Amino acid sequence: MKLLIQIPCYNEEKTLPVTFNGLPKEIEGIDTIEYLIIDDGSKDRTVEVAKELGVHHIVRFPNNRGLAKGFMAGIDACLKLGADIIVNTDGDNQYKGQDIEKLVQPIIDKKAEFVVGDRETDTIEHFSASKKLFQKLGSWTVRVASKSNVQDTTSGFRAYSRAAAMKLNVISEYTYTLETIIEAGRRKEAISNVKIGTNDKLRDSRLFKSMWKYMQRSASTIIRTYSMYRPLKVFLIIGTLLFLAGVLLGVRYIYFLIQDSSAGHVQSLILAAVLMLSGVQAWMTGLLADAIAANRKINDELLYRVKRIEYDAFKEMNEKSAYLLEEIATTKEN
């Protein structure tokens, strides 16, 4: 069984050596461990440092494309390299490398397809009280949206089985953490939580400049992803609220008309009609969106099958290349 540990990096020449040195060199149940970094357009010596450290594989972007793009590029490369398990960690040494063994164990034991490291954010000293509160609220919201039991939904320390990794389709250009959990939950994948530790902070987060900006983007991601998987429910709720508001305004108009037949209140009647028509239109949109969502499920399944054929072909080719190289080396020795 082959494990590939991927590390998205952006200007991590100072923190990468600390992160890399903490990674496991062997794990029981794993035959081969390899390391891969995704250089997201770094302006420093991140790539040179990675080569000096002995990182096996490097994926490079000519310019900064964001965490989500880097994550998916790493997943693509790991699958092509024949990974049976993929672990994602950060280049800032936030997570403890020794916890990777705990992270992959549920997949080795075939008890899970997707494992998320739970940082137990309440215990992290450098997290402010407001950040801890928002982390809890955000994680609860994602659990409801995904119907999963993930405790720390923003944790980037996670492991995927080969099959689960092939099913990943990230649309967001901001971050992958929330979207992938909602997707996995709605696909009813076996998701597991593992309690992990964190290291002392070496630098500030580059993902967001302010807590409010992060919350806005996270809320947008949750709403959009949930709407993609449950559009009928979303539009039925919106349509019902609009229709009821129109009915209430209509009842109000009739009430005042009975009280005073000379009263106008035509504006209320017009607004009531508009709201009720908007509600009906939202219901119709929901039905159309539901048909599109059903088609998307079929497309996802087809895409998974295509990916499996492609990545398995790469894996077989890599295994044959490794076998030939071993044969050549053995021949030379003899």
Protein backbone atom coordinates (compact mmCIF):
# COMPACT_ATOMS: atom_id res chain seq x y z
CA MET A 1 0.00 0.00 0.00
CA LYS A 2 1.35 3.38 -1.06
CA LEU A 3 0.87 6.58 0.94
CA LEU A 4 1.49 10.00 -0.57
CA ILE A 5 1.65 13.01 1.75
CA GLN A 6 0.92 16.24 -0.10
CA ILE A 7 1.80 19.71 1.18
CA PRO A 8 0.37 22.82 -0.53
CA CYS A 9 3.00 25.58 -0.21
CA TYR A 10 3.18 29.30 -0.82
CA ASN A 11 6.42 30.96 0.29
CA GLU A 12 7.20 28.27 2.87
CA GLU A 13 11.02 28.14 2.67
CA LYS A 14 11.31 28.81 6.41
CA THR A 15 8.54 26.53 7.68
CA LEU A 16 8.80 23.66 5.17
CA PRO A 17 11.93 22.08 6.75
CA VAL A 18 10.20 21.97 10.16
CA THR A 19 7.07 20.45 8.60
CA PHE A 20 8.98 17.91 6.52
CA ASN A 21 11.21 16.73 9.37
CA GLY A 22 8.13 15.90 11.43
CA LEU A 23 6.59 13.64 8.76
CA PRO A 24 6.63 9.87 9.34
CA LYS A 25 9.16 7.77 7.44
CA GLU A 26 7.34 4.48 8.01
CA ILE A 27 3.88 3.39 9.15
CA GLU A 28 2.68 -0.12 9.93
CA GLY A 29 0.44 -1.34 7.11
CA ILE A 30 2.01 1.07 4.60
CA ASP A 31 4.64 -0.28 2.18
CA THR A 32 5.79 3.01 0.65
CA ILE A 33 5.63 6.62 1.82
CA GLU A 34 6.36 9.44 -0.61
CA TYR A 35 6.10 13.22 -0.27
CA LEU A 36 4.76 15.79 -2.71
CA ILE A 37 4.59 19.57 -2.51
CA ILE A 38 2.39 21.86 -4.55
CA ASP A 39 4.21 25.13 -5.10
CA ASP A 40 1.49 27.75 -5.55
CA GLY A 41 3.63 30.35 -7.32
CA SER A 42 6.08 30.92 -4.45
CA LYS A 43 8.44 33.89 -4.75
CA ASP A 44 11.03 32.49 -2.34
CA ARG A 45 13.18 29.31 -2.31
CA THR A 46 10.37 26.90 -1.44
CA VAL A 47 11.09 24.58 -4.39
CA GLU A 48 14.85 24.61 -3.84
CA VAL A 49 14.37 23.83 -0.15
CA ALA A 50 11.99 20.98 -1.03
CA LYS A 51 14.60 19.45 -3.35
CA GLU A 52 17.30 19.78 -0.69
CA LEU A 53 15.03 18.01 1.81
CA GLY A 54 14.51 15.12 -0.57
CA VAL A 55 10.85 15.63 -1.46
CA HIS A 56 10.00 13.02 -4.09
CA HIS A 57 7.55 15.01 -6.23
CA ILE A 58 6.96 18.70 -6.95
CA VAL A 59 3.96 20.28 -8.69
CA ARG A 60 4.56 23.91 -9.66
CA PHE A 61 2.23 26.75 -10.58
CA PRO A 62 3.80 29.77 -12.36
CA ASN A 63 1.55 32.10 -10.35
CA ASN A 64 -0.57 31.95 -7.20
CA ARG A 65 -3.87 30.17 -7.90
CA GLY A 66 -5.21 29.67 -4.39
CA LEU A 67 -5.51 26.85 -1.91
CA ALA A 68 -8.37 25.01 -3.63
CA LYS A 69 -6.56 24.81 -6.99
CA GLY A 70 -3.36 23.69 -5.28
CA PHE A 71 -5.17 21.01 -3.30
CA MET A 72 -6.83 19.52 -6.39
CA ALA A 73 -3.59 19.65 -8.40
CA GLY A 74 -1.95 17.66 -5.63
CA ILE A 75 -4.78 15.11 -5.57
CA ASP A 76 -4.48 14.69 -9.34
CA ALA A 77 -0.71 14.16 -9.14
CA CYS A 78 -0.97 11.72 -6.20
CA LEU A 79 -3.52 9.59 -8.03
CA LYS A 80 -1.36 9.50 -11.16
CA LEU A 81 1.58 8.42 -9.01
CA GLY A 82 -0.42 5.43 -7.79
CA ALA A 83 -1.33 6.54 -4.25
CA ASP A 84 -3.64 4.20 -2.35
CA ILE A 85 -4.00 6.75 0.47
CA ILE A 86 -3.49 10.51 0.23
CA VAL A 87 -2.83 12.71 3.25
CA ASN A 88 -3.06 16.49 3.01
CA THR A 89 -1.21 18.65 5.52
CA ASP A 90 -0.11 22.30 5.65
CA GLY A 91 3.35 23.68 5.00
CA ASP A 92 3.24 25.99 8.04
CA ASN A 93 3.74 23.09 10.50
CA GLN A 94 0.32 23.65 12.06
CA TYR A 95 -0.31 19.89 12.31
CA LYS A 96 1.82 17.25 14.01
CA GLY A 97 3.36 14.85 11.52
CA GLN A 98 3.28 11.93 13.95
CA ASP A 99 -0.52 12.09 13.91
CA ILE A 100 -0.56 10.96 10.27
CA GLU A 101 -0.35 7.36 11.49
CA LYS A 102 -3.61 7.88 13.42
CA LEU A 103 -5.14 9.66 10.45
CA VAL A 104 -4.60 6.82 7.96
CA GLN A 105 -5.44 3.93 10.31
CA PRO A 106 -9.24 3.98 9.73
CA ILE A 107 -8.58 3.73 5.97
CA ILE A 108 -6.05 0.91 6.40
CA ASP A 109 -8.62 -0.91 8.56
CA LYS A 110 -11.28 -0.23 5.88
CA LYS A 111 -13.48 1.56 8.42
CA ALA A 112 -13.48 4.87 6.57
CA GLU A 113 -12.90 6.39 3.13
CA PHE A 114 -12.32 9.95 4.34
CA VAL A 115 -10.72 10.95 7.65
CA VAL A 116 -10.59 14.47 9.11
CA GLY A 117 -8.23 15.52 11.89
CA ASP A 118 -10.06 17.12 14.81
CA ARG A 119 -7.88 19.86 16.32
CA GLU A 120 -10.26 20.28 19.27
CA THR A 121 -10.20 24.01 18.62
CA ASP A 122 -11.35 24.84 22.16
CA THR A 123 -7.91 23.79 23.39
CA ILE A 124 -5.84 25.85 20.92
CA GLU A 125 -4.33 28.69 22.96
CA HIS A 126 -3.64 31.16 20.13
CA PHE A 127 -7.28 30.99 18.93
CA SER A 128 -9.31 33.93 20.24
CA ALA A 129 -12.65 33.37 21.98
CA SER A 130 -14.53 34.74 18.95
CA LYS A 131 -12.62 32.48 16.57
CA LYS A 132 -13.41 29.43 18.70
CA LEU A 133 -17.09 30.41 18.74
CA PHE A 134 -17.23 30.90 14.96
CA GLN A 135 -15.38 27.61 14.42
CA LYS A 136 -18.03 25.81 16.46
CA LEU A 137 -20.90 27.56 14.70
CA GLY A 138 -19.40 26.94 11.26
CA SER A 139 -18.70 23.27 11.97
CA TRP A 140 -22.25 22.77 13.25
CA THR A 141 -23.66 24.38 10.09
CA VAL A 142 -21.56 22.14 7.83
CA ARG A 143 -22.56 19.05 9.83
CA VAL A 144 -26.23 19.92 9.28
CA ALA A 145 -25.68 20.65 5.57
CA SER A 146 -23.63 17.49 4.99
CA LYS A 147 -25.47 15.16 7.40
CA SER A 148 -22.06 14.07 8.66
CA ASN A 149 -20.35 13.90 12.05
CA VAL A 150 -17.24 15.97 11.21
CA GLN A 151 -16.23 17.92 14.30
CA ASP A 152 -13.58 20.24 12.83
CA THR A 153 -14.79 21.09 9.34
CA THR A 154 -12.07 23.67 8.55
CA SER A 155 -9.23 21.30 9.36
CA GLY A 156 -6.95 20.78 6.36
CA PHE A 157 -5.33 17.75 7.98
CA ARG A 158 -7.16 14.88 6.32
CA ALA A 159 -6.73 11.53 4.59
CA TYR A 160 -8.50 10.07 1.57
CA SER A 161 -8.71 6.58 0.19
CA ARG A 162 -7.93 6.24 -3.51
CA ALA A 163 -11.61 5.84 -4.41
CA ALA A 164 -12.69 8.83 -2.28
CA ALA A 165 -9.99 11.02 -3.83
CA MET A 166 -11.20 10.16 -7.33
CA LYS A 167 -14.68 11.44 -6.44
CA LEU A 168 -13.45 14.89 -5.38
CA ASN A 169 -14.74 17.75 -7.53
CA VAL A 170 -13.95 21.18 -6.06
CA ILE A 171 -15.62 24.17 -7.71
CA SER A 172 -14.62 26.83 -5.18
CA GLU A 173 -11.45 28.78 -5.93
CA TYR A 174 -11.10 29.82 -2.30
CA THR A 175 -10.85 26.72 -0.12
CA TYR A 176 -11.69 23.03 -0.39
CA THR A 177 -12.36 22.19 3.27
CA LEU A 178 -16.10 22.88 3.56
CA GLU A 179 -17.15 21.93 0.04
CA THR A 180 -15.49 18.50 0.12
CA ILE A 181 -17.18 17.61 3.42
CA ILE A 182 -20.64 18.55 2.17
CA GLU A 183 -20.03 16.59 -1.03
CA ALA A 184 -18.77 13.52 0.84
CA GLY A 185 -21.62 13.66 3.33
CA ARG A 186 -24.24 13.91 0.62
CA ARG A 187 -22.61 10.94 -1.17
CA LYS A 188 -22.88 9.05 2.13
CA GLU A 189 -19.18 8.24 2.24
CA ALA A 190 -17.77 6.68 5.39
CA ILE A 191 -16.25 9.69 7.18
CA SER A 192 -14.25 9.39 10.38
CA ASN A 193 -12.87 11.89 12.93
CA VAL A 194 -9.47 11.50 14.57
CA LYS A 195 -8.32 13.71 17.43
CA ILE A 196 -5.00 15.37 16.60
CA GLY A 197 -2.59 17.83 18.16
CA THR A 198 -1.31 21.12 16.80
CA ASN A 199 2.08 22.80 16.95
CA ASP A 200 2.88 26.35 18.03
CA LYS A 201 2.03 28.95 15.40
CA LEU A 202 5.00 29.85 13.18
CA ARG A 203 3.20 32.48 11.10
CA ASP A 204 -0.23 34.08 10.62
CA SER A 205 -2.74 32.50 8.27
CA ARG A 206 -2.60 33.68 4.65
CA LEU A 207 -6.02 32.27 3.78
CA PHE A 208 -7.98 35.28 5.00
CA LYS A 209 -7.18 38.85 6.04
CA SER A 210 -10.03 39.17 8.54
CA MET A 211 -12.44 36.91 10.37
CA TRP A 212 -15.46 38.62 8.80
CA LYS A 213 -14.10 38.12 5.28
CA TYR A 214 -13.50 34.45 6.04
CA MET A 215 -17.03 34.06 7.41
CA GLN A 216 -18.56 35.68 4.32
CA ARG A 217 -16.68 33.41 1.96
CA SER A 218 -17.35 30.33 4.06
CA ALA A 219 -21.09 31.10 4.24
CA SER A 220 -21.16 31.60 0.48
CA THR A 221 -19.43 28.24 -0.07
CA ILE A 222 -21.80 26.39 2.27
CA ILE A 223 -24.94 27.88 0.68
CA ARG A 224 -23.75 27.31 -2.88
CA THR A 225 -22.61 23.73 -2.28
CA TYR A 226 -25.75 22.79 -0.36
CA SER A 227 -27.92 24.34 -3.08
CA MET A 228 -26.13 22.23 -5.69
CA TYR A 229 -27.07 19.01 -3.87
CA ARG A 230 -30.49 20.00 -2.48
CA PRO A 231 -31.84 22.67 -4.89
CA LEU A 232 -35.48 21.57 -4.65
CA LYS A 233 -35.51 21.98 -0.86
CA VAL A 234 -33.79 25.38 -1.06
CA PHE A 235 -36.16 26.80 -3.69
CA LEU A 236 -39.23 25.31 -2.03
CA ILE A 237 -38.33 27.12 1.19
CA ILE A 238 -37.66 30.40 -0.64
CA GLY A 239 -40.82 30.06 -2.71
CA THR A 240 -42.98 29.21 0.30
CA LEU A 241 -41.71 32.22 2.25
CA LEU A 242 -42.41 34.55 -0.68
CA PHE A 243 -45.86 33.04 -1.29
CA LEU A 244 -46.86 33.26 2.39
CA ALA A 245 -45.68 36.88 2.52
CA GLY A 246 -47.90 37.60 -0.48
CA VAL A 247 -50.87 35.82 1.12
CA LEU A 248 -50.45 37.83 4.35
CA LEU A 249 -50.37 41.09 2.40
CA GLY A 250 -53.46 39.96 0.47
CA VAL A 251 -55.30 39.16 3.70
CA ARG A 252 -54.25 42.56 5.07
CA TYR A 253 -55.65 44.26 1.95
CA ILE A 254 -58.98 42.41 2.27
CA TYR A 255 -59.19 43.30 5.98
CA PHE A 256 -58.74 47.02 5.35
CA LEU A 257 -61.15 46.83 2.41
CA ILE A 258 -63.84 45.38 4.69
CA GLN A 259 -63.16 48.02 7.32
CA ASP A 260 -63.29 50.88 4.83
CA SER A 261 -64.49 50.15 1.31
CA SER A 262 -63.26 53.54 0.16
CA ALA A 263 -59.66 52.79 1.22
CA GLY A 264 -57.24 52.22 -1.61
CA HIS A 265 -54.24 50.20 -0.52
CA VAL A 266 -53.68 49.21 -4.16
CA GLN A 267 -49.94 49.08 -3.53
CA SER A 268 -50.45 46.25 -1.02
CA LEU A 269 -52.52 44.31 -3.56
CA ILE A 270 -49.88 44.73 -6.26
CA LEU A 271 -47.06 43.75 -3.91
CA ALA A 272 -49.04 40.71 -2.72
CA ALA A 273 -49.53 39.56 -6.30
CA VAL A 274 -45.84 40.05 -7.10
CA LEU A 275 -44.73 38.09 -4.02
CA MET A 276 -47.11 35.23 -4.72
CA LEU A 277 -46.03 35.01 -8.36
CA SER A 278 -42.37 35.13 -7.27
CA GLY A 279 -43.06 32.24 -4.88
CA VAL A 280 -44.60 30.15 -7.67
CA GLN A 281 -41.68 31.02 -9.92
CA ALA A 282 -39.24 29.91 -7.20
CA TRP A 283 -41.07 26.56 -6.96
CA MET A 284 -40.78 26.10 -10.73
CA THR A 285 -37.10 27.01 -10.59
CA GLY A 286 -36.65 24.43 -7.83
CA LEU A 287 -38.12 21.69 -10.02
CA LEU A 288 -35.82 22.65 -12.89
CA ALA A 289 -32.78 22.85 -10.58
CA ASP A 290 -33.65 19.44 -9.14
CA ALA A 291 -33.59 17.93 -12.63
CA ILE A 292 -30.20 19.56 -13.22
CA ALA A 293 -28.94 18.18 -9.88
CA ALA A 294 -30.05 14.67 -10.87
CA ASN A 295 -28.16 15.05 -14.14
CA ARG A 296 -25.11 16.25 -12.19
CA LYS A 297 -25.14 13.05 -10.11
CA ILE A 298 -25.04 11.02 -13.31
CA ASN A 299 -22.19 13.17 -14.65
CA ASP A 300 -20.28 12.76 -11.37
CA GLU A 301 -20.59 8.99 -11.63
CA LEU A 302 -19.42 9.03 -15.26
CA LEU A 303 -16.51 11.31 -14.34
CA TYR A 304 -15.52 8.95 -11.53
CA ARG A 305 -15.47 6.00 -13.92
CA VAL A 306 -13.35 7.94 -16.43
CA LYS A 307 -10.96 9.01 -13.68
CA ARG A 308 -10.65 5.46 -12.41
CA ILE A 309 -9.68 4.21 -15.87
CA GLU A 310 -7.18 7.04 -16.35
CA TYR A 311 -5.57 6.91 -12.91
CA ASP A 312 -5.41 3.11 -12.81
CA ALA A 313 -3.62 3.21 -16.17
CA PHE A 314 -1.07 5.66 -14.72
CA LYS A 315 -0.66 3.46 -11.65
CA GLU A 316 -0.04 0.35 -13.75
CA MET A 317 2.46 2.24 -15.89
CA ASN A 318 4.34 3.47 -12.80
CA GLU A 319 4.43 -0.03 -11.33
CA LYS A 320 5.81 -1.45 -14.58
CA SER A 321 8.44 1.29 -14.73
CA ALA A 322 9.49 0.59 -11.14
CA TYR A 323 9.68 -3.15 -11.91
CA LEU A 324 11.81 -2.56 -15.03
CA LEU A 325 14.18 -0.26 -13.15
CA GLU A 326 14.56 -2.91 -10.45
CA GLU A 327 15.25 -5.57 -13.08
CA ILE A 328 17.89 -3.37 -14.75
CA ALA A 329 19.57 -2.68 -11.42
CA THR A 330 19.58 -6.39 -10.55
CA THR A 331 21.04 -7.25 -13.98
CA LYS A 332 23.85 -4.72 -13.56
CA GLU A 333 24.72 -6.11 -10.14
CA ASN A 334 24.94 -9.61 -11.56
